[in-house]
Amino acid sequence: MRPRLERLVGELVKFGAVGALGFLVNVAIFNLCIHSFQLAPIRSGVISQVVAIGTNYLGNRYWTYRHIDKNRIHRETMLFFFFSGIGLVLENGILALSHYGLGYTSPLADNVAKNVIGLCLGTLFRFWAYRTWVFRVGQQQDERTEREPRRDDADDTGGHDAGPATPAPAPGGVSGSGAGRVEVGGLAAEEQREDRRQLLK
């Protein structure tokens, strides 16, 4: 459980860093379109977010999720921009509701609606969609876990080696080394008997 939580936190940190860069790009281009090119708020929001989506894709593909399999990159790219498009509609829908529906038309209100409220909702949605459907983080981690060899059984059975074999006792219940001592003792007893015979003569 803890390694999975650590991976999730790492993803969030990297995703947040990429999102921060995309946020700066988004805000800069949004205000450039409004104030310099005098474009309408919704058009400015769409243009700025399209550029930010491209920035986010490069950051997430080659940094946040660089360890994910790249064999299906065509499908991955299509899904990325599909879910990013949903996030775009979500963010600019909040902006449209604020600007045209509620009548908050100041530049500050537009930035708050799009770059604070809309961005928070869109970021949460994109993070869930990217890791669940685009980069398929959970599925590939489960596949790697299934391919890892299980070591529990090997540790239980192979961790204890049999000790050195005890030599079989020699006939009569005496070991080989003991048999050598008995033999020596037998020669000593024979010599003592020979000495007694010499004394008796």
Protein backbone atom coordinates (compact mmCIF):
# COMPACT_ATOMS: atom_id res chain seq x y z
CA MET A 1 0.00 0.00 0.00
CA ARG A 2 2.78 2.45 0.88
CA PRO A 3 4.70 2.12 -2.45
CA ARG A 4 1.46 2.74 -4.34
CA LEU A 5 0.79 5.87 -2.25
CA GLU A 6 4.34 7.09 -2.86
CA ARG A 7 3.91 6.61 -6.62
CA LEU A 8 0.63 8.54 -6.52
CA VAL A 9 2.23 11.41 -4.60
CA GLY A 10 5.13 11.46 -7.08
CA GLU A 11 2.69 11.60 -9.97
CA LEU A 12 0.78 14.44 -8.31
CA VAL A 13 3.96 16.46 -7.77
CA LYS A 14 5.12 16.05 -11.37
CA PHE A 15 1.61 16.57 -12.74
CA GLY A 16 1.33 19.73 -10.64
CA ALA A 17 4.68 21.04 -11.90
CA VAL A 18 3.66 20.44 -15.52
CA GLY A 19 0.26 21.96 -14.78
CA ALA A 20 1.91 25.05 -13.27
CA LEU A 21 3.88 25.58 -16.45
CA GLY A 22 0.73 25.08 -18.51
CA PHE A 23 -1.08 27.52 -16.22
CA LEU A 24 1.52 30.23 -16.86
CA VAL A 25 1.28 29.63 -20.61
CA ASN A 26 -2.52 29.66 -20.39
CA VAL A 27 -2.75 32.91 -18.42
CA ALA A 28 -0.11 34.69 -20.50
CA ILE A 29 -1.72 33.85 -23.85
CA PHE A 30 -5.24 34.46 -22.52
CA ASN A 31 -4.39 38.00 -21.43
CA LEU A 32 -2.31 38.60 -24.55
CA CYS A 33 -5.29 37.72 -26.74
CA ILE A 34 -7.68 39.90 -24.74
CA HIS A 35 -5.56 42.99 -24.19
CA SER A 36 -3.24 43.00 -27.18
CA PHE A 37 -5.38 41.46 -29.92
CA GLN A 38 -8.75 42.54 -28.48
CA LEU A 39 -10.28 39.10 -28.95
CA ALA A 40 -13.46 37.96 -27.22
CA PRO A 41 -12.99 36.20 -23.85
CA ILE A 42 -14.19 32.76 -24.99
CA ARG A 43 -12.06 32.84 -28.13
CA SER A 44 -9.06 33.95 -26.09
CA GLY A 45 -9.70 31.19 -23.59
CA VAL A 46 -9.87 28.51 -26.29
CA ILE A 47 -6.67 29.68 -27.98
CA SER A 48 -4.72 29.92 -24.72
CA GLN A 49 -5.90 26.55 -23.54
CA VAL A 50 -5.05 24.79 -26.80
CA VAL A 51 -1.46 26.01 -26.48
CA ALA A 52 -1.40 25.00 -22.79
CA ILE A 53 -2.72 21.53 -23.67
CA GLY A 54 0.18 21.03 -26.07
CA THR A 55 2.61 22.11 -23.35
CA ASN A 56 0.99 19.77 -20.84
CA TYR A 57 1.11 16.84 -23.22
CA LEU A 58 4.84 17.17 -23.78
CA GLY A 59 5.50 17.56 -20.06
CA ASN A 60 3.34 14.62 -19.02
CA ARG A 61 4.41 12.30 -21.82
CA TYR A 62 8.15 12.82 -21.41
CA TRP A 63 8.36 13.50 -17.68
CA THR A 64 5.37 12.61 -15.48
CA TYR A 65 4.52 9.37 -17.31
CA ARG A 66 7.75 8.71 -19.20
CA HIS A 67 7.91 5.18 -17.69
CA ILE A 68 4.59 4.19 -19.30
CA ASP A 69 4.73 2.06 -22.45
CA LYS A 70 4.96 4.18 -25.61
CA ASN A 71 3.89 1.45 -28.05
CA ARG A 72 0.34 2.81 -28.24
CA ILE A 73 1.31 6.45 -28.54
CA HIS A 74 -1.17 7.15 -31.37
CA ARG A 75 -4.11 5.98 -29.28
CA GLU A 76 -2.67 7.73 -26.23
CA THR A 77 -2.38 11.05 -28.09
CA MET A 78 -5.95 10.86 -29.33
CA LEU A 79 -7.28 10.14 -25.84
CA PHE A 80 -5.11 12.87 -24.33
CA PHE A 81 -6.51 15.56 -26.59
CA PHE A 82 -10.03 14.15 -26.27
CA PHE A 83 -10.04 14.44 -22.48
CA SER A 84 -8.17 17.73 -22.67
CA GLY A 85 -10.97 18.97 -24.93
CA ILE A 86 -13.50 18.02 -22.25
CA GLY A 87 -11.42 19.95 -19.73
CA LEU A 88 -11.33 22.90 -22.14
CA VAL A 89 -15.13 22.90 -22.38
CA LEU A 90 -15.37 22.67 -18.60
CA GLU A 91 -13.04 25.61 -17.97
CA ASN A 92 -14.49 27.85 -20.64
CA GLY A 93 -18.01 26.86 -19.63
CA ILE A 94 -17.30 28.38 -16.19
CA LEU A 95 -15.95 31.49 -17.95
CA ALA A 96 -19.01 31.75 -20.19
CA LEU A 97 -21.34 31.33 -17.22
CA SER A 98 -19.53 34.07 -15.31
CA HIS A 99 -19.10 36.51 -18.20
CA TYR A 100 -22.38 36.13 -20.09
CA GLY A 101 -24.66 34.46 -17.59
CA LEU A 102 -23.82 36.33 -14.37
CA GLY A 103 -22.58 39.54 -15.98
CA TYR A 104 -19.09 39.61 -14.42
CA THR A 105 -17.27 41.17 -17.36
CA SER A 106 -14.17 42.73 -15.80
CA PRO A 107 -10.72 41.29 -16.65
CA LEU A 108 -10.31 40.25 -13.00
CA ALA A 109 -13.62 38.38 -13.00
CA ASP A 110 -12.74 36.66 -16.27
CA ASN A 111 -9.37 35.52 -14.87
CA VAL A 112 -10.92 34.27 -11.65
CA ALA A 113 -13.65 32.37 -13.47
CA LYS A 114 -11.33 30.77 -16.00
CA ASN A 115 -7.92 30.54 -14.34
CA VAL A 116 -9.01 29.79 -10.76
CA ILE A 117 -12.42 28.09 -10.60
CA GLY A 118 -12.44 26.56 -14.07
CA LEU A 119 -8.79 25.57 -13.91
CA CYS A 120 -9.19 23.77 -10.57
CA LEU A 121 -12.14 21.72 -11.83
CA GLY A 122 -10.46 21.02 -15.15
CA THR A 123 -7.18 19.97 -13.49
CA LEU A 124 -8.89 17.45 -11.22
CA PHE A 125 -10.79 15.99 -14.15
CA ARG A 126 -7.69 15.78 -16.36
CA PHE A 127 -5.54 14.14 -13.70
CA TRP A 128 -8.15 11.41 -13.19
CA ALA A 129 -8.69 10.95 -16.94
CA TYR A 130 -5.00 10.91 -17.88
CA ARG A 131 -3.88 8.29 -15.37
CA THR A 132 -7.04 6.18 -15.79
CA TRP A 133 -7.59 6.22 -19.56
CA VAL A 134 -4.64 7.84 -21.34
CA PHE A 135 -1.44 6.60 -19.71
CA ARG A 136 -3.12 3.61 -17.97
CA VAL A 137 -0.91 3.82 -14.86
CA GLY A 138 -2.78 1.36 -12.67
CA GLN A 139 -3.08 -1.34 -15.34
CA GLN A 140 0.61 -1.32 -16.29
CA GLN A 141 1.73 -1.38 -12.65
CA ASP A 142 -0.54 -4.39 -12.01
CA GLU A 143 0.89 -6.15 -15.07
CA ARG A 144 4.46 -5.60 -13.84
CA THR A 145 3.49 -6.90 -10.40
CA GLU A 146 2.02 -10.07 -11.91
CA ARG A 147 5.21 -10.69 -13.94
CA GLU A 148 7.47 -10.48 -10.87
CA PRO A 149 8.48 -13.94 -9.59
CA ARG A 150 7.13 -14.85 -6.21
CA ARG A 151 9.94 -15.51 -3.73
CA ASP A 152 7.98 -16.58 -0.65
CA ASP A 153 7.92 -20.29 -1.42
CA ALA A 154 11.57 -20.30 -2.49
CA ASP A 155 12.59 -18.58 0.73
CA ASP A 156 10.64 -21.05 2.85
CA THR A 157 12.03 -24.17 1.21
CA GLY A 158 15.46 -23.11 0.04
CA GLY A 159 16.58 -21.06 3.00
CA HIS A 160 17.61 -24.00 5.20
CA ASP A 161 20.44 -26.27 4.07
CA ALA A 162 20.94 -29.65 5.55
CA GLY A 163 23.87 -29.85 7.91
CA PRO A 164 26.88 -32.04 7.28
CA ALA A 165 26.12 -35.73 7.38
CA THR A 166 27.13 -37.50 10.54
CA PRO A 167 29.36 -40.43 9.78
CA ALA A 168 27.78 -43.77 10.42
CA PRO A 169 29.01 -45.45 13.53
CA ALA A 170 31.42 -48.34 13.11
CA PRO A 171 30.27 -51.86 13.92
CA GLY A 172 29.84 -52.44 17.62
CA GLY A 173 28.59 -48.94 18.27
CA VAL A 174 32.08 -47.33 18.17
CA SER A 175 32.89 -44.52 15.78
CA GLY A 176 35.83 -44.56 13.44
CA SER A 177 37.92 -42.32 15.67
CA GLY A 178 36.83 -44.24 18.73
CA ALA A 179 37.76 -47.47 17.01
CA GLY A 180 41.29 -46.18 16.56
CA ARG A 181 41.55 -45.48 20.29
CA VAL A 182 40.23 -48.95 21.20
CA GLU A 183 42.79 -50.49 18.90
CA VAL A 184 45.59 -48.57 20.53
CA GLY A 185 44.19 -49.51 23.93
CA GLY A 186 44.14 -53.17 22.87
CA LEU A 187 47.86 -53.09 21.99
CA ALA A 188 48.64 -51.53 25.37
CA ALA A 189 46.72 -54.27 27.18
CA GLU A 190 48.58 -56.96 25.21
CA GLU A 191 51.91 -55.42 26.18
CA GLN A 192 50.88 -55.38 29.87
CA ARG A 193 49.95 -59.07 29.72
CA GLU A 194 53.31 -59.84 28.12
CA ASP A 195 55.08 -57.96 30.91
CA ARG A 196 53.23 -59.98 33.56
CA ARG A 197 54.32 -63.24 31.88
CA GLN A 198 57.93 -62.14 31.97
CA LEU A 199 57.65 -61.36 35.70
CA LEU A 200 56.13 -64.76 36.46
CA LYS A 201 58.95 -66.60 34.77
